[in-house]
Amino acid sequence: LVLLSTEEECLHREKILLVKTNKYYAVQEHVQQNHV
Protein backbone atom coordinates (compact mmCIF):
# COMPACT_ATOMS: atom_id res chain seq x y z
CA LEU A 1 0.00 0.00 0.00
CA VAL A 2 2.80 2.41 0.90
CA LEU A 3 4.64 1.56 -2.31
CA LEU A 4 1.49 2.12 -4.36
CA SER A 5 0.74 5.50 -2.76
CA THR A 6 4.36 6.58 -3.30
CA GLU A 7 4.13 5.52 -6.95
CA GLU A 8 0.89 7.46 -7.37
CA GLU A 9 2.46 10.49 -5.71
CA CYS A 10 5.38 10.34 -8.15
CA LEU A 11 3.00 10.09 -11.10
CA HIS A 12 1.03 13.03 -9.76
CA ARG A 13 4.21 15.13 -9.42
CA GLU A 14 5.31 14.14 -12.93
CA LYS A 15 1.93 15.21 -14.27
CA ILE A 16 2.19 18.58 -12.51
CA LEU A 17 5.73 19.02 -13.85
CA LEU A 18 4.53 18.21 -17.38
CA VAL A 19 1.69 20.70 -17.12
CA LYS A 20 4.05 23.40 -15.84
CA THR A 21 6.54 22.61 -18.61
CA ASN A 22 3.82 22.70 -21.26
CA LYS A 23 2.57 26.04 -19.96
CA TYR A 24 6.13 27.41 -19.95
CA TYR A 25 6.75 26.35 -23.55
CA ALA A 26 3.37 27.68 -24.64
CA VAL A 27 4.27 31.06 -23.13
CA GLN A 28 7.71 30.99 -24.75
CA GLU A 29 6.14 30.26 -28.16
CA HIS A 30 3.62 33.04 -27.66
CA VAL A 31 6.39 35.51 -26.73
CA GLN A 32 8.49 34.52 -29.75
CA GLN A 33 5.51 34.94 -32.10
CA ASN A 34 4.83 38.41 -30.68
CA HIS A 35 8.45 39.48 -31.26
CA VAL A 36 8.43 38.33 -34.91
PDB file of N, CA and C in Angstrom:
ATOM      1  N   LEU A   1       0.829  -1.203   0.000  1.00  0.00           N
ATOM      2  CA  LEU A   1       0.000   0.000   0.000  1.00  0.00           C
ATOM      3  C   LEU A   1       0.869   1.261   0.000  1.00  0.00           C
ATOM      4  N   VAL A   2       1.911   1.250   0.824  1.00  0.00           N
ATOM      5  CA  VAL A   2       2.800   2.413   0.899  1.00  0.00           C
ATOM      6  C   VAL A   2       3.506   2.604  -0.446  1.00  0.00           C
ATOM      7  N   LEU A   3       3.942   1.492  -1.037  1.00  0.00           N
ATOM      8  CA  LEU A   3       4.636   1.557  -2.313  1.00  0.00           C
ATOM      9  C   LEU A   3       3.705   2.126  -3.385  1.00  0.00           C
ATOM     10  N   LEU A   4       2.465   1.669  -3.377  1.00  0.00           N
ATOM     11  CA  LEU A   4       1.489   2.122  -4.365  1.00  0.00           C
ATOM     12  C   LEU A   4       1.236   3.614  -4.217  1.00  0.00           C
ATOM     13  N   SER A   5       1.030   4.081  -2.982  1.00  0.00           N
ATOM     14  CA  SER A   5       0.742   5.499  -2.755  1.00  0.00           C
ATOM     15  C   SER A   5       1.943   6.356  -3.155  1.00  0.00           C
ATOM     16  N   THR A   6       3.152   5.844  -2.916  1.00  0.00           N
ATOM     17  CA  THR A   6       4.360   6.585  -3.301  1.00  0.00           C
ATOM     18  C   THR A   6       4.446   6.666  -4.817  1.00  0.00           C
ATOM     19  N   GLU A   7       4.093   5.563  -5.487  1.00  0.00           N
ATOM     20  CA  GLU A   7       4.127   5.525  -6.947  1.00  0.00           C
ATOM     21  C   GLU A   7       3.113   6.521  -7.518  1.00  0.00           C
ATOM     22  N   GLU A   8       1.931   6.538  -6.915  1.00  0.00           N
ATOM     23  CA  GLU A   8       0.888   7.457  -7.367  1.00  0.00           C
ATOM     24  C   GLU A   8       1.321   8.905  -7.146  1.00  0.00           C
ATOM     25  N   GLU A   9       1.986   9.138  -6.028  1.00  0.00           N
ATOM     26  CA  GLU A   9       2.462  10.489  -5.711  1.00  0.00           C
ATOM     27  C   GLU A   9       3.485  10.932  -6.753  1.00  0.00           C
ATOM     28  N   CYS A  10       4.375  10.024  -7.143  1.00  0.00           N
ATOM     29  CA  CYS A  10       5.383  10.337  -8.154  1.00  0.00           C
ATOM     30  C   CYS A  10       4.720  10.655  -9.487  1.00  0.00           C
ATOM     31  N   LEU A  11       3.722   9.848  -9.855  1.00  0.00           N
ATOM     32  CA  LEU A  11       2.996  10.088 -11.104  1.00  0.00           C
ATOM     33  C   LEU A  11       2.307  11.443 -11.065  1.00  0.00           C
ATOM     34  N   HIS A  12       1.728  11.763  -9.921  1.00  0.00           N
ATOM     35  CA  HIS A  12       1.028  13.034  -9.755  1.00  0.00           C
ATOM     36  C   HIS A  12       2.005  14.198  -9.919  1.00  0.00           C
ATOM     37  N   ARG A  13       3.189  14.070  -9.316  1.00  0.00           N
ATOM     38  CA  ARG A  13       4.209  15.128  -9.422  1.00  0.00           C
ATOM     39  C   ARG A  13       4.689  15.268 -10.861  1.00  0.00           C
ATOM     40  N   GLU A  14       4.873  14.116 -11.531  1.00  0.00           N
ATOM     41  CA  GLU A  14       5.314  14.142 -12.928  1.00  0.00           C
ATOM     42  C   GLU A  14       4.288  14.850 -13.788  1.00  0.00           C
ATOM     43  N   LYS A  15       3.009  14.585 -13.499  1.00  0.00           N
ATOM     44  CA  LYS A  15       1.930  15.205 -14.267  1.00  0.00           C
ATOM     45  C   LYS A  15       1.937  16.720 -14.061  1.00  0.00           C
ATOM     46  N   ILE A  16       2.128  17.152 -12.823  1.00  0.00           N
ATOM     47  CA  ILE A  16       2.188  18.585 -12.506  1.00  0.00           C
ATOM     48  C   ILE A  16       3.379  19.215 -13.226  1.00  0.00           C
ATOM     49  N   LEU A  17       4.516  18.518 -13.196  1.00  0.00           N
ATOM     50  CA  LEU A  17       5.728  19.020 -13.847  1.00  0.00           C
ATOM     51  C   LEU A  17       5.491  19.154 -15.347  1.00  0.00           C
ATOM     52  N   LEU A  18       4.829  18.160 -15.945  1.00  0.00           N
ATOM     53  CA  LEU A  18       4.532  18.207 -17.380  1.00  0.00           C
ATOM     54  C   LEU A  18       3.632  19.387 -17.707  1.00  0.00           C
ATOM     55  N   VAL A  19       2.621  19.592 -16.886  1.00  0.00           N
ATOM     56  CA  VAL A  19       1.687  20.702 -17.117  1.00  0.00           C
ATOM     57  C   VAL A  19       2.428  22.027 -17.028  1.00  0.00           C
ATOM     58  N   LYS A  20       3.275  22.160 -16.007  1.00  0.00           N
ATOM     59  CA  LYS A  20       4.048  23.398 -15.839  1.00  0.00           C
ATOM     60  C   LYS A  20       4.979  23.607 -17.026  1.00  0.00           C
ATOM     61  N   THR A  21       5.628  22.524 -17.477  1.00  0.00           N
ATOM     62  CA  THR A  21       6.545  22.613 -18.607  1.00  0.00           C
ATOM     63  C   THR A  21       5.794  22.996 -19.870  1.00  0.00           C
ATOM     64  N   ASN A  22       4.626  22.384 -20.088  1.00  0.00           N
ATOM     65  CA  ASN A  22       3.823  22.702 -21.264  1.00  0.00           C
ATOM     66  C   ASN A  22       3.387  24.157 -21.245  1.00  0.00           C
ATOM     67  N   LYS A  23       2.985  24.638 -20.087  1.00  0.00           N
ATOM     68  CA  LYS A  23       2.570  26.042 -19.961  1.00  0.00           C
ATOM     69  C   LYS A  23       3.752  26.955 -20.253  1.00  0.00           C
ATOM     70  N   TYR A  24       4.926  26.602 -19.732  1.00  0.00           N
ATOM     71  CA  TYR A  24       6.128  27.409 -19.948  1.00  0.00           C
ATOM     72  C   TYR A  24       6.454  27.496 -21.431  1.00  0.00           C
ATOM     73  N   TYR A  25       6.419  26.348 -22.126  1.00  0.00           N
ATOM     74  CA  TYR A  25       6.749  26.347 -23.548  1.00  0.00           C
ATOM     75  C   TYR A  25       5.686  27.076 -24.359  1.00  0.00           C
ATOM     76  N   ALA A  26       4.440  26.964 -23.955  1.00  0.00           N
ATOM     77  CA  ALA A  26       3.366  27.681 -24.637  1.00  0.00           C
ATOM     78  C   ALA A  26       3.587  29.182 -24.519  1.00  0.00           C
ATOM     79  N   VAL A  27       3.999  29.638 -23.341  1.00  0.00           N
ATOM     80  CA  VAL A  27       4.272  31.062 -23.125  1.00  0.00           C
ATOM     81  C   VAL A  27       5.473  31.485 -23.963  1.00  0.00           C
ATOM     82  N   GLN A  28       6.513  30.670 -23.982  1.00  0.00           N
ATOM     83  CA  GLN A  28       7.712  30.988 -24.754  1.00  0.00           C
ATOM     84  C   GLN A  28       7.370  31.127 -26.240  1.00  0.00           C
ATOM     85  N   GLU A  29       6.556  30.207 -26.761  1.00  0.00           N
ATOM     86  CA  GLU A  29       6.142  30.258 -28.163  1.00  0.00           C
ATOM     87  C   GLU A  29       5.357  31.530 -28.424  1.00  0.00           C
ATOM     88  N   HIS A  30       4.465  31.856 -27.523  1.00  0.00           N
ATOM     89  CA  HIS A  30       3.620  33.041 -27.658  1.00  0.00           C
ATOM     90  C   HIS A  30       4.494  34.301 -27.687  1.00  0.00           C
ATOM     91  N   VAL A  31       5.492  34.352 -26.803  1.00  0.00           N
ATOM     92  CA  VAL A  31       6.390  35.507 -26.729  1.00  0.00           C
ATOM     93  C   VAL A  31       7.189  35.628 -28.026  1.00  0.00           C
ATOM     94  N   GLN A  32       7.695  34.501 -28.522  1.00  0.00           N
ATOM     95  CA  GLN A  32       8.487  34.516 -29.751  1.00  0.00           C
ATOM     96  C   GLN A  32       7.636  34.987 -30.932  1.00  0.00           C
ATOM     97  N   GLN A  33       6.393  34.541 -31.007  1.00  0.00           N
ATOM     98  CA  GLN A  33       5.507  34.944 -32.096  1.00  0.00           C
ATOM     99  C   GLN A  33       5.243  36.445 -32.035  1.00  0.00           C
ATOM    100  N   ASN A  34       5.102  36.981 -30.837  1.00  0.00           N
ATOM    101  CA  ASN A  34       4.834  38.409 -30.684  1.00  0.00           C
ATOM    102  C   ASN A  34       6.039  39.245 -31.102  1.00  0.00           C
ATOM    103  N   HIS A  35       7.246  38.734 -30.904  1.00  0.00           N
ATOM    104  CA  HIS A  35       8.454  39.476 -31.256  1.00  0.00           C
ATOM    105  C   HIS A  35       8.687  39.480 -32.762  1.00  0.00           C
ATOM    106  N   VAL A  36       8.200  38.455 -33.465  1.00  0.00           N
ATOM    107  CA  VAL A  36       8.427  38.334 -34.913  1.00  0.00           C
ATOM    108  C   VAL A  36       7.513  39.262 -35.695  1.00  0.00           C
TER     109      VAL A  36
END
